Protein backbone atom coordinates (compact mmCIF):
# COMPACT_ATOMS: atom_id res chain seq x y z
CA MET A 1 30.59 82.34 -12.74
CA ASP A 2 29.30 80.46 -9.73
CA LEU A 3 32.47 81.05 -7.70
CA PHE A 4 32.15 84.82 -7.93
CA THR A 5 28.42 84.73 -7.23
CA ASN A 6 28.98 82.56 -4.17
CA LEU A 7 31.78 84.83 -2.97
CA GLU A 8 29.60 87.91 -3.42
CA GLN A 9 26.78 86.27 -1.44
CA PHE A 10 29.23 85.25 1.27
CA LEU A 11 30.62 88.78 1.59
CA ARG A 12 27.06 90.13 1.73
CA GLN A 13 26.31 87.70 4.58
CA VAL A 14 29.46 88.80 6.43
CA SER A 15 28.33 92.41 6.07
CA GLU A 16 24.87 91.54 7.40
CA LEU A 17 26.49 89.71 10.33
CA GLN A 18 28.53 92.82 11.15
CA ARG A 19 25.40 94.93 11.05
CA GLY A 20 23.64 92.45 13.33
CA VAL A 21 26.52 92.45 15.82
CA PHE A 22 26.52 96.24 15.92
CA THR A 23 22.74 96.36 16.38
CA SER A 24 22.95 93.82 19.21
CA TRP A 25 25.77 95.75 20.83
CA THR A 26 23.87 99.03 20.75
CA SER A 27 20.74 97.39 22.15
CA MET A 28 22.72 96.07 25.13
CA MET A 29 23.74 99.56 26.23
CA PRO A 30 20.64 100.95 27.92
CA MET A 31 20.68 104.65 28.64
CA GLN A 32 20.01 104.06 32.36
CA SER A 33 23.60 102.87 32.76
CA ILE A 34 24.80 106.43 32.22
CA ASN A 35 23.91 107.20 35.83
CA THR A 36 25.97 104.34 37.28
CA PRO A 37 29.38 105.06 38.81
CA ASN A 38 31.07 102.42 36.64
CA PHE A 39 29.77 103.87 33.41
CA ARG A 40 33.19 104.92 32.15
CA GLU A 41 34.73 101.53 32.92
CA ASN A 42 31.82 99.67 31.31
CA PHE A 43 31.90 101.98 28.32
CA ASP A 44 35.65 101.44 27.85
CA LYS A 45 35.25 97.65 28.06
CA THR A 46 32.37 97.71 25.59
CA LEU A 47 34.28 99.98 23.24
CA LYS A 48 37.35 97.72 23.41
CA PHE A 49 35.16 94.69 22.66
CA GLN A 50 33.61 96.46 19.68
CA GLU A 51 37.03 97.55 18.42
CA THR A 52 38.35 94.00 18.67
CA THR A 53 35.30 92.60 16.90
CA ILE A 54 35.54 95.10 14.04
CA THR A 55 39.32 94.62 13.71
CA ASN A 56 38.91 90.85 13.52
CA SER A 57 36.08 91.22 11.01
CA LEU A 58 38.19 93.49 8.79
CA GLU A 59 41.14 91.10 8.97
CA PHE A 60 38.80 88.27 7.98
CA GLN A 61 37.48 90.25 5.03
CA ALA A 62 41.03 91.06 3.92
CA LEU A 63 41.89 87.36 4.08
CA LEU A 64 38.83 86.52 1.98
CA ALA A 65 39.76 89.16 -0.59
CA ARG A 66 43.33 87.83 -0.83
CA MET A 67 42.03 84.27 -1.19
CA SER A 68 39.59 85.37 -3.88
CA LEU A 69 42.32 87.16 -5.83
CA GLU A 70 44.67 84.20 -5.48
CA SER A 71 41.93 81.86 -6.73
CA GLN A 72 41.29 84.08 -9.72
CA LYS A 73 45.00 84.28 -10.46
CA GLN A 74 45.36 80.49 -10.34
CA PHE A 75 42.27 80.05 -12.50
CA TRP A 76 43.56 82.35 -15.22
CA GLU A 77 47.08 80.94 -15.09
CA SER A 78 45.66 77.42 -15.50
CA TYR A 79 43.41 78.61 -18.31
CA PHE A 80 46.26 80.14 -20.29
CA ASN A 81 48.60 77.22 -19.61
CA MET A 82 45.97 74.80 -20.83
CA LEU A 83 45.47 76.80 -24.04
CA ARG A 84 49.22 76.92 -24.64
CA LYS A 85 49.43 73.13 -24.42
CA MET A 86 46.75 72.62 -27.09
């Protein structure tokens, strides 16, 4: 079914986006910053940003999964109701 194929492609793109965000985040943390006095503060801020990003991403994926299940449920309910009316 096209709906399920499209949903699978969308979820794959979300996963690739997460991977890209993580790669970008790790590339922005050069090892020279370890020697700076504010390393701990910068690290904590970066870690908090990453945690927030991942949390939001997981909440978004959960929402998509619920929407997908609800769509499937409505589809099958409509299907069986239509057959009953025949």
